[in-house]
């Protein structure tokens, strides 16, 4: 039995063993499925071949194989799904051992005593969350902005950032990396700061997380006239490239780089090839950020709405007001729903921050795809006790039907409107009924 006075130690080798096991299980499941399809009635319709692919023409693909003769296959239509790779910086000596990208971090066989993360976006913050949560690694983050997650709203980013501080994470805000190099088997990095002299730090390991770039090189795209963007992505229109029978999906395109988006685009490309006329919409894409606390998102956030010049209303309710969260002793987090600033109150976006956040956004995503308002969710009987009752209460606030009087819980319930660059406190409006 574990005593609270006993120091907790995590065996990192066991974590790696579980990780490798999970990857092998999923990989075997997928390859087994492909093998089964080839051995059944699909053998004349479906072929699975391994190798390095390159386009020879708009209808020919060369497959270069390691242990067999190269092969050229013909196709009326081609879908490219080559994914992306971590972006590297030329002045940083990435060896995927001491200084690594997200591809090489799994090479570490034990937890470092200290590490630095270059980049405060999703990937950098997710890995900083993982290693700081182990409680055995001192984590630093290099952030060129004044706060992490610059694409998200302040309330989301600041809650995650506060938890970093509680876990002992140091965030180097508003700093630029001057150099990073391996010295005596460790990582030495120098930062230039806005308000002071340069700083030099030494840590055991480093993770470079400054984004990803599409795997478009060496595919023969430009030779065929396929348009490529400045960042190396295929310039597509609704998954179709500038060469009409060649399609691109997933991270290879300039659209949202998420696994679920790549799958959606793949299905959509096949439908287009088969003659379907519908257009793919990205308005209600759901995503998860594995941070502390968990962050789930669908649709726009406030920052994006303001950049588009939209007028909107937004409500937020803290977990501290939700019975299930109180019973779970997990009051940290909130639900936040943004709607159009009119009588229809069509949902523009939602953020769920806290335990079970990823399971809470699908009803809102469905309403967004149907271009519905919030009344359906407000009237729906939600299970009790459950965290998603907080979503219902947000909708009731928008409709002026909340069981709570928001002015009593101003620290936990917020209702605002935004129009023409001006915020308006709408707390009193939510108490009309």
Protein backbone atom coordinates (compact mmCIF):
# COMPACT_ATOMS: atom_id res chain seq x y z
CA UNK A 1 0.00 0.00 0.00
CA UNK A 2 1.23 3.47 -0.87
CA UNK A 3 1.69 5.85 2.06
CA UNK A 4 1.24 9.56 1.51
CA UNK A 5 4.50 10.07 3.40
CA UNK A 6 6.29 7.81 0.92
CA UNK A 7 7.92 9.42 -2.11
CA UNK A 8 6.21 8.39 -5.33
CA UNK A 9 8.51 7.16 -8.10
CA UNK A 10 7.45 6.57 -11.67
CA UNK A 11 9.08 3.82 -13.71
CA UNK A 12 9.41 5.40 -17.15
CA UNK A 13 10.31 2.08 -18.76
CA UNK A 14 6.85 0.78 -17.85
CA UNK A 15 5.26 3.80 -19.53
CA UNK A 16 7.29 3.20 -22.71
CA UNK A 17 6.34 -0.47 -22.63
CA UNK A 18 2.64 0.41 -22.42
CA UNK A 19 3.03 3.02 -25.16
CA UNK A 20 4.79 0.61 -27.51
CA UNK A 21 2.16 -2.03 -26.78
CA UNK A 22 -0.68 0.32 -27.62
CA UNK A 23 0.98 1.43 -30.87
CA UNK A 24 1.62 -2.18 -31.90
CA UNK A 25 -1.96 -3.19 -31.11
CA UNK A 26 -3.45 -0.40 -33.21
CA UNK A 27 -0.95 -0.90 -36.05
CA UNK A 28 -1.62 -4.65 -36.12
CA UNK A 29 -5.34 -3.99 -36.16
CA UNK A 30 -5.08 -1.75 -39.22
CA UNK A 31 -2.60 -3.88 -41.18
CA UNK A 32 -4.60 -7.01 -40.32
CA UNK A 33 -7.70 -5.35 -41.71
CA UNK A 34 -5.89 -4.50 -44.95
CA UNK A 35 -4.54 -8.05 -45.29
CA UNK A 36 -8.00 -9.50 -44.69
CA UNK A 37 -9.55 -7.33 -47.38
CA UNK A 38 -6.97 -8.48 -49.92
CA UNK A 39 -7.60 -12.14 -49.18
CA UNK A 40 -11.38 -11.85 -49.42
CA UNK A 41 -13.73 -10.71 -52.19
CA UNK A 42 -11.96 -7.34 -52.54
CA UNK A 43 -8.84 -8.79 -54.16
CA UNK A 44 -9.85 -7.51 -57.60
CA UNK A 45 -10.77 -4.06 -56.28
CA UNK A 46 -8.26 -3.39 -53.55
CA UNK A 47 -4.46 -3.68 -53.49
CA UNK A 48 -2.16 -2.73 -50.62
CA UNK A 49 1.45 -2.11 -51.63
CA UNK A 50 4.31 -0.79 -49.52
CA UNK A 51 7.11 1.42 -50.76
CA UNK A 52 8.16 4.98 -51.55
CA UNK A 53 5.72 6.61 -53.95
CA UNK A 54 6.34 9.20 -56.64
CA UNK A 55 4.12 10.58 -59.38
CA UNK A 56 5.44 9.93 -62.89
CA UNK A 57 2.41 11.43 -64.60
CA UNK A 58 -1.10 12.44 -63.62
CA UNK A 59 -2.10 8.77 -63.94
CA UNK A 60 1.09 6.88 -63.00
CA UNK A 61 2.65 6.23 -59.60
CA UNK A 62 6.10 4.72 -59.19
CA UNK A 63 6.44 2.51 -56.09
CA UNK A 64 10.08 2.13 -55.02
CA UNK A 65 10.48 -0.96 -52.83
CA UNK A 66 13.27 -1.94 -50.47
CA UNK A 67 13.36 -5.68 -51.05
CA UNK A 68 11.69 -6.02 -54.43
CA UNK A 69 11.68 -4.59 -57.93
CA UNK A 70 10.15 -1.15 -58.43
CA UNK A 71 6.61 -1.09 -59.76
CA UNK A 72 4.55 1.43 -61.71
CA UNK A 73 0.77 1.44 -61.32
CA UNK A 74 -1.93 3.27 -63.28
CA UNK A 75 -4.89 5.11 -61.77
CA UNK A 76 -7.68 7.29 -63.10
CA UNK A 77 -7.72 9.23 -59.82
CA UNK A 78 -5.02 9.70 -57.19
CA UNK A 79 -5.47 10.75 -53.55
CA UNK A 80 -2.34 11.99 -51.78
CA UNK A 81 -2.20 11.54 -48.01
CA UNK A 82 1.49 11.83 -47.15
CA UNK A 83 1.03 13.70 -43.88
CA UNK A 84 3.56 16.07 -42.32
CA UNK A 85 6.80 16.12 -40.37
CA UNK A 86 8.18 18.31 -37.56
CA UNK A 87 9.58 21.63 -38.70
CA UNK A 88 13.29 21.97 -38.01
CA UNK A 89 15.37 25.11 -37.62
CA UNK A 90 18.72 25.17 -39.45
CA UNK A 91 20.69 26.70 -36.57
CA UNK A 92 19.64 24.06 -34.03
CA UNK A 93 21.62 20.76 -34.04
CA UNK A 94 18.73 18.32 -33.77
CA UNK A 95 20.12 14.80 -33.28
CA UNK A 96 16.82 13.19 -32.11
CA UNK A 97 18.62 12.06 -28.95
CA UNK A 98 19.52 15.09 -26.86
CA UNK A 99 17.76 17.75 -28.92
CA UNK A 100 14.67 16.15 -30.40
CA UNK A 101 11.46 16.85 -32.30
CA UNK A 102 8.18 15.12 -31.51
CA UNK A 103 9.39 12.29 -33.78
CA UNK A 104 12.45 11.61 -31.65
CA UNK A 105 11.18 12.22 -28.13
CA UNK A 106 10.18 8.55 -27.86
CA UNK A 107 13.85 7.62 -28.11
CA UNK A 108 14.37 8.80 -24.56
CA UNK A 109 14.70 5.72 -22.36
CA UNK A 110 14.34 7.54 -19.04
CA UNK A 111 12.85 10.75 -17.74
CA UNK A 112 15.29 13.68 -17.95
CA UNK A 113 15.89 15.65 -14.80
CA UNK A 114 15.36 18.84 -16.79
CA UNK A 115 14.26 19.84 -20.29
CA UNK A 116 13.37 22.87 -22.36
CA UNK A 117 10.56 23.09 -24.90
CA UNK A 118 10.98 25.51 -27.80
CA UNK A 119 7.49 26.54 -28.83
CA UNK A 120 4.35 27.29 -26.83
CA UNK A 121 1.75 25.99 -29.28
CA UNK A 122 -0.33 22.84 -28.86
CA UNK A 123 2.45 20.26 -29.38
CA UNK A 124 4.93 22.07 -27.14
CA UNK A 125 2.37 22.62 -24.38
CA UNK A 126 1.09 19.05 -24.56
CA UNK A 127 4.58 17.60 -24.05
CA UNK A 128 5.30 20.16 -21.32
CA UNK A 129 2.11 18.98 -19.62
CA UNK A 130 3.09 15.31 -19.89
CA UNK A 131 6.60 15.68 -18.50
CA UNK A 132 5.73 18.19 -15.77
CA UNK A 133 2.86 15.93 -14.63
CA UNK A 134 5.32 13.08 -14.03
CA UNK A 135 6.76 15.21 -11.25
CA UNK A 136 10.35 14.14 -11.98
CA UNK A 137 11.36 16.59 -14.71
CA UNK A 138 11.94 20.34 -14.40
CA UNK A 139 10.38 21.82 -17.55
CA UNK A 140 11.13 25.18 -19.18
CA UNK A 141 9.20 26.63 -22.14
CA UNK A 142 10.53 29.24 -24.56
CA UNK A 143 7.63 31.47 -25.61
CA UNK A 144 8.15 34.43 -27.91
CA UNK A 145 4.71 35.86 -27.00
CA UNK A 146 3.47 37.20 -23.68
CA UNK A 147 1.46 34.01 -23.02
CA UNK A 148 1.20 30.42 -24.24
CA UNK A 149 -1.30 29.16 -26.84
CA UNK A 150 -1.45 32.48 -28.73
CA UNK A 151 -4.28 31.28 -31.01
CA UNK A 152 -6.65 30.65 -28.09
CA UNK A 153 -8.69 33.02 -25.91
CA UNK A 154 -7.10 34.44 -22.79
CA UNK A 155 -9.31 32.54 -20.34
CA UNK A 156 -8.32 29.17 -21.85
CA UNK A 157 -4.60 29.94 -22.12
CA UNK A 158 -4.28 31.52 -18.69
CA UNK A 159 -5.87 28.56 -16.89
CA UNK A 160 -3.44 26.15 -18.57
CA UNK A 161 -0.56 28.54 -17.89
CA UNK A 162 -1.46 28.85 -14.20
CA UNK A 163 -1.36 25.07 -13.88
CA UNK A 164 2.07 25.04 -15.50
CA UNK A 165 3.27 27.40 -12.78
CA UNK A 166 1.75 25.16 -10.09
CA UNK A 167 3.68 22.22 -11.56
CA UNK A 168 6.93 24.14 -11.37
CA UNK A 169 7.17 24.89 -15.09
CA UNK A 170 9.16 27.99 -16.05
CA UNK A 171 7.87 29.91 -19.06
CA UNK A 172 10.37 32.25 -20.70
CA UNK A 173 7.89 34.83 -22.00
CA UNK A 174 8.68 37.34 -24.75
CA UNK A 175 12.08 35.84 -25.45
CA UNK A 176 13.92 34.92 -28.64
CA UNK A 177 16.28 31.99 -28.95
CA UNK A 178 19.80 33.20 -29.79
CA UNK A 179 21.41 29.76 -29.84
CA UNK A 180 20.86 26.18 -28.72
CA UNK A 181 23.68 23.66 -28.74
CA UNK A 182 24.86 20.45 -27.14
CA UNK A 183 27.61 21.06 -24.56
CA UNK A 184 29.12 18.16 -22.60
CA UNK A 185 26.14 15.97 -23.44
CA UNK A 186 23.60 18.54 -22.23
CA UNK A 187 21.68 21.38 -23.84
CA UNK A 188 22.81 24.96 -23.44
CA UNK A 189 20.56 27.69 -24.76
CA UNK A 190 20.78 31.47 -24.82
CA UNK A 191 17.79 33.80 -24.84
CA UNK A 192 17.47 37.47 -25.67
CA UNK A 193 14.86 39.15 -23.50
CA UNK A 194 12.81 42.27 -24.10
CA UNK A 195 13.62 43.71 -20.70
CA UNK A 196 17.13 42.76 -19.74
CA UNK A 197 20.41 41.13 -20.73
CA UNK A 198 20.68 37.78 -22.46
CA UNK A 199 20.16 34.68 -20.32
CA UNK A 200 22.06 31.38 -20.59
CA UNK A 201 20.47 28.18 -19.30
CA UNK A 202 21.59 24.54 -19.13
CA UNK A 203 19.20 21.54 -19.17
CA UNK A 204 19.53 17.83 -19.85
CA UNK A 205 17.27 17.58 -22.93
CA UNK A 206 15.41 19.79 -25.40
CA UNK A 207 12.28 19.44 -27.51
CA UNK A 208 11.87 21.61 -30.61
CA UNK A 209 8.14 22.07 -31.24
CA UNK A 210 7.82 24.91 -33.75
CA UNK A 211 5.14 23.45 -35.98
CA UNK A 212 4.94 20.88 -38.75
CA UNK A 213 5.44 21.05 -42.52
CA UNK A 214 3.73 18.97 -45.22
CA UNK A 215 5.49 15.96 -46.75
CA UNK A 216 5.33 17.29 -50.31
CA UNK A 217 8.97 17.02 -51.37
CA UNK A 218 10.03 14.26 -53.74
CA UNK A 219 6.49 13.39 -54.83
CA UNK A 220 6.87 14.85 -58.31
CA UNK A 221 4.07 17.37 -57.75
CA UNK A 222 5.60 20.50 -59.19
CA UNK A 223 6.76 18.65 -62.32
CA UNK A 224 3.10 17.84 -63.02
CA UNK A 225 1.90 21.38 -62.40
CA UNK A 226 0.33 20.75 -58.99
CA UNK A 227 0.26 24.12 -57.23
CA UNK A 228 2.17 24.25 -53.94
CA UNK A 229 1.82 27.00 -51.31
CA UNK A 230 4.74 28.87 -49.77
CA UNK A 231 4.68 26.51 -46.78
CA UNK A 232 4.89 23.45 -49.00
CA UNK A 233 1.23 22.41 -48.85
CA UNK A 234 -0.85 21.34 -51.84
CA UNK A 235 -3.04 24.28 -52.86
CA UNK A 236 -6.37 22.46 -53.04
CA UNK A 237 -9.98 23.45 -53.55
CA UNK A 238 -12.31 21.19 -51.58
CA UNK A 239 -9.55 18.46 -51.61
CA UNK A 240 -8.98 18.71 -55.39
CA UNK A 241 -5.58 19.96 -56.52
CA UNK A 242 -4.87 22.13 -59.55
CA UNK A 243 -4.56 18.88 -61.54
CA UNK A 244 -8.23 17.76 -61.63
CA UNK A 245 -7.76 14.01 -61.06
CA UNK A 246 -5.24 14.44 -58.21
CA UNK A 247 -6.59 15.05 -54.69
CA UNK A 248 -4.81 15.93 -51.45
CA UNK A 249 -6.01 15.35 -47.90
CA UNK A 250 -4.83 15.66 -44.32
CA UNK A 251 -1.67 17.52 -43.28
CA UNK A 252 -0.55 17.72 -46.93
CA UNK A 253 -3.14 20.45 -47.53
CA UNK A 254 -3.35 23.98 -46.17
CA UNK A 255 -6.44 23.16 -44.12
CA UNK A 256 -6.77 22.06 -40.47
CA UNK A 257 -4.01 19.60 -39.50
CA UNK A 258 -5.98 17.09 -37.42
CA UNK A 259 -6.40 13.32 -37.78
CA UNK A 260 -10.19 13.51 -37.78
CA UNK A 261 -10.06 16.22 -40.45
CA UNK A 262 -7.77 14.09 -42.60
CA UNK A 263 -10.20 11.17 -42.39
CA UNK A 264 -13.14 13.45 -43.22
CA UNK A 265 -11.27 14.86 -46.21
CA UNK A 266 -10.40 11.36 -47.41
CA UNK A 267 -14.03 10.29 -47.37
CA UNK A 268 -15.02 13.53 -49.07
CA UNK A 269 -12.42 13.12 -51.84
CA UNK A 270 -13.76 9.65 -52.63
CA UNK A 271 -17.29 11.03 -52.81
CA UNK A 272 -16.16 13.76 -55.21
CA UNK A 273 -14.52 11.15 -57.43
CA UNK A 274 -17.83 9.25 -57.43
CA UNK A 275 -19.68 12.36 -58.53
CA UNK A 276 -21.14 13.72 -55.28
CA UNK A 277 -21.64 17.50 -55.36
CA UNK A 278 -21.61 18.41 -51.66
CA UNK A 279 -18.92 20.78 -50.31
CA UNK A 280 -16.82 20.03 -47.26
CA UNK A 281 -17.37 22.34 -44.28
CA UNK A 282 -14.81 22.99 -41.55
CA UNK A 283 -17.11 25.12 -39.39
CA UNK A 284 -17.85 22.47 -36.76
CA UNK A 285 -14.55 20.58 -36.56
CA UNK A 286 -13.95 19.23 -33.05
CA UNK A 287 -10.49 19.10 -31.51
CA UNK A 288 -8.81 18.14 -28.24
CA UNK A 289 -5.73 19.61 -26.58
CA UNK A 290 -4.23 17.21 -24.03
CA UNK A 291 -3.30 19.84 -21.49
CA UNK A 292 -3.90 20.39 -17.79
CA UNK A 293 -6.83 20.83 -17.71
CA UNK A 294 -8.07 19.09 -20.85
CA UNK A 295 -9.28 21.53 -23.54
CA UNK A 296 -11.87 20.62 -26.19
CA UNK A 297 -12.97 22.97 -28.94
CA UNK A 298 -15.46 23.23 -31.77
CA UNK A 299 -15.99 26.17 -34.08
CA UNK A 300 -14.56 29.64 -33.56
CA UNK A 301 -13.20 31.21 -30.41
CA UNK A 302 -13.63 34.87 -29.47
CA UNK A 303 -10.30 35.87 -30.96
CA UNK A 304 -11.25 34.45 -34.36
CA UNK A 305 -14.71 36.03 -34.24
CA UNK A 306 -13.23 39.47 -33.52
CA UNK A 307 -10.70 39.07 -36.35
CA UNK A 308 -13.63 38.41 -38.71
CA UNK A 309 -15.49 41.45 -37.42
CA UNK A 310 -18.42 39.40 -36.10
CA UNK A 311 -20.83 40.55 -33.44
CA UNK A 312 -21.50 37.87 -30.85
CA UNK A 313 -22.72 36.98 -27.38
CA UNK A 314 -20.73 34.66 -25.13
CA UNK A 315 -21.46 32.96 -21.82
CA UNK A 316 -19.22 30.91 -19.58
CA UNK A 317 -19.96 28.78 -16.53
CA UNK A 318 -17.29 27.44 -14.20
CA UNK A 319 -17.19 23.79 -13.16
CA UNK A 320 -17.48 25.13 -9.62
CA UNK A 321 -21.24 25.62 -10.27
CA UNK A 322 -21.85 22.10 -11.63
CA UNK A 323 -23.02 19.48 -9.08
CA UNK A 324 -21.10 16.61 -10.71
CA UNK A 325 -17.85 18.59 -10.71
CA UNK A 326 -18.39 19.48 -7.06
CA UNK A 327 -18.99 15.81 -6.22
CA UNK A 328 -15.87 14.83 -8.17
CA UNK A 329 -13.93 17.49 -6.22
CA UNK A 330 -12.81 18.85 -9.61
CA UNK A 331 -14.05 22.43 -9.72
CA UNK A 332 -11.33 23.71 -12.06
CA UNK A 333 -12.60 24.31 -15.58
CA UNK A 334 -15.45 25.94 -17.47
CA UNK A 335 -17.85 25.69 -20.40
CA UNK A 336 -18.01 28.60 -22.82
CA UNK A 337 -20.50 29.03 -25.68
CA UNK A 338 -20.45 31.81 -28.28
CA UNK A 339 -23.51 32.64 -30.43
CA UNK A 340 -24.56 35.22 -32.99
CA UNK A 341 -25.65 38.53 -31.52
CA UNK A 342 -29.26 38.30 -32.70
CA UNK A 343 -32.51 36.57 -31.84
CA UNK A 344 -31.53 33.34 -33.61
CA UNK A 345 -28.47 32.83 -31.40
CA UNK A 346 -26.83 30.41 -33.81
CA UNK A 347 -23.83 28.74 -32.24
CA UNK A 348 -20.48 30.04 -33.49
CA UNK A 349 -18.23 28.00 -31.23
CA UNK A 350 -17.64 26.36 -27.89
CA UNK A 351 -14.74 25.68 -25.54
CA UNK A 352 -14.84 23.05 -22.80
CA UNK A 353 -11.98 23.17 -20.31
CA UNK A 354 -11.71 20.53 -17.59
CA UNK A 355 -12.34 16.83 -16.91
CA UNK A 356 -14.33 14.99 -19.62
CA UNK A 357 -14.18 18.07 -21.84
CA UNK A 358 -13.77 15.99 -25.01
CA UNK A 359 -17.06 14.20 -24.35
CA UNK A 360 -19.01 17.41 -23.87
CA UNK A 361 -18.84 19.17 -27.22
CA UNK A 362 -20.55 16.83 -29.70
CA UNK A 363 -24.11 18.03 -29.12
CA UNK A 364 -22.97 21.57 -29.82
CA UNK A 365 -21.04 20.43 -32.92
CA UNK A 366 -24.23 18.78 -34.21
CA UNK A 367 -26.30 21.91 -33.67
CA UNK A 368 -23.67 23.94 -35.49
CA UNK A 369 -23.82 21.62 -38.51
CA UNK A 370 -27.62 22.06 -38.50
CA UNK A 371 -27.27 25.85 -38.12
CA UNK A 372 -29.45 25.72 -35.03
CA UNK A 373 -29.58 27.97 -31.99
CA UNK A 374 -29.27 27.08 -28.32
CA UNK A 375 -32.94 26.54 -27.47
CA UNK A 376 -32.84 22.80 -28.28
CA UNK A 377 -30.00 22.24 -25.81
CA UNK A 378 -31.64 24.40 -23.16
CA UNK A 379 -34.86 22.32 -23.31
CA UNK A 380 -33.17 18.90 -23.60
CA UNK A 381 -33.31 16.84 -20.39
CA UNK A 382 -29.69 16.19 -19.50
CA UNK A 383 -28.59 13.27 -17.29
CA UNK A 384 -28.08 14.15 -13.64
CA UNK A 385 -25.60 14.41 -12.14
CA UNK A 386 -23.38 15.04 -15.16
CA UNK A 387 -20.88 17.65 -16.24
CA UNK A 388 -22.85 18.41 -19.40
CA UNK A 389 -25.56 19.99 -17.26
CA UNK A 390 -23.20 22.96 -17.34
CA UNK A 391 -23.75 23.26 -21.09
CA UNK A 392 -27.49 23.35 -20.52
CA UNK A 393 -27.04 26.09 -17.93
CA UNK A 394 -24.97 28.13 -20.41
CA UNK A 395 -27.81 27.90 -22.93
CA UNK A 396 -30.33 28.91 -20.27
CA UNK A 397 -28.19 31.94 -19.42
CA UNK A 398 -28.34 33.02 -23.06
CA UNK A 399 -32.12 32.64 -23.02
CA UNK A 400 -32.58 34.38 -19.67
CA UNK A 401 -33.77 31.16 -18.00
CA UNK A 402 -30.85 30.21 -15.74
CA UNK A 403 -31.66 28.65 -12.38
CA UNK A 404 -28.88 30.85 -10.97
CA UNK A 405 -28.81 34.63 -10.85
CA UNK A 406 -25.47 35.38 -12.52
CA UNK A 407 -24.89 38.60 -10.58
CA UNK A 408 -24.66 36.46 -7.42
CA UNK A 409 -21.96 34.26 -8.98
CA UNK A 410 -20.07 36.84 -11.04
CA UNK A 411 -16.79 35.04 -10.37
CA UNK A 412 -18.15 31.84 -11.93
CA UNK A 413 -20.78 32.96 -14.46
CA UNK A 414 -20.13 35.50 -17.21
CA UNK A 415 -22.36 36.83 -19.98
CA UNK A 416 -21.06 39.41 -22.43
CA UNK A 417 -21.80 40.82 -25.84
CA UNK A 418 -19.33 42.08 -28.42
CA UNK A 419 -20.08 44.50 -31.26
CA UNK A 420 -18.01 47.09 -33.15
CA UNK A 421 -14.98 46.58 -30.91
CA UNK A 422 -16.90 47.11 -27.66
CA UNK A 423 -17.72 44.59 -24.92
CA UNK A 424 -20.99 44.87 -23.01
CA UNK A 425 -21.86 43.14 -19.75
CA UNK A 426 -25.14 41.29 -20.37
CA UNK A 427 -25.54 39.81 -16.89
CA UNK A 428 -28.75 41.70 -16.26
CA UNK A 429 -30.21 40.51 -19.59
CA UNK A 430 -29.76 36.89 -18.51
CA UNK A 431 -31.98 37.54 -15.46
CA UNK A 432 -35.01 38.95 -17.30
CA UNK A 433 -36.98 35.74 -17.00
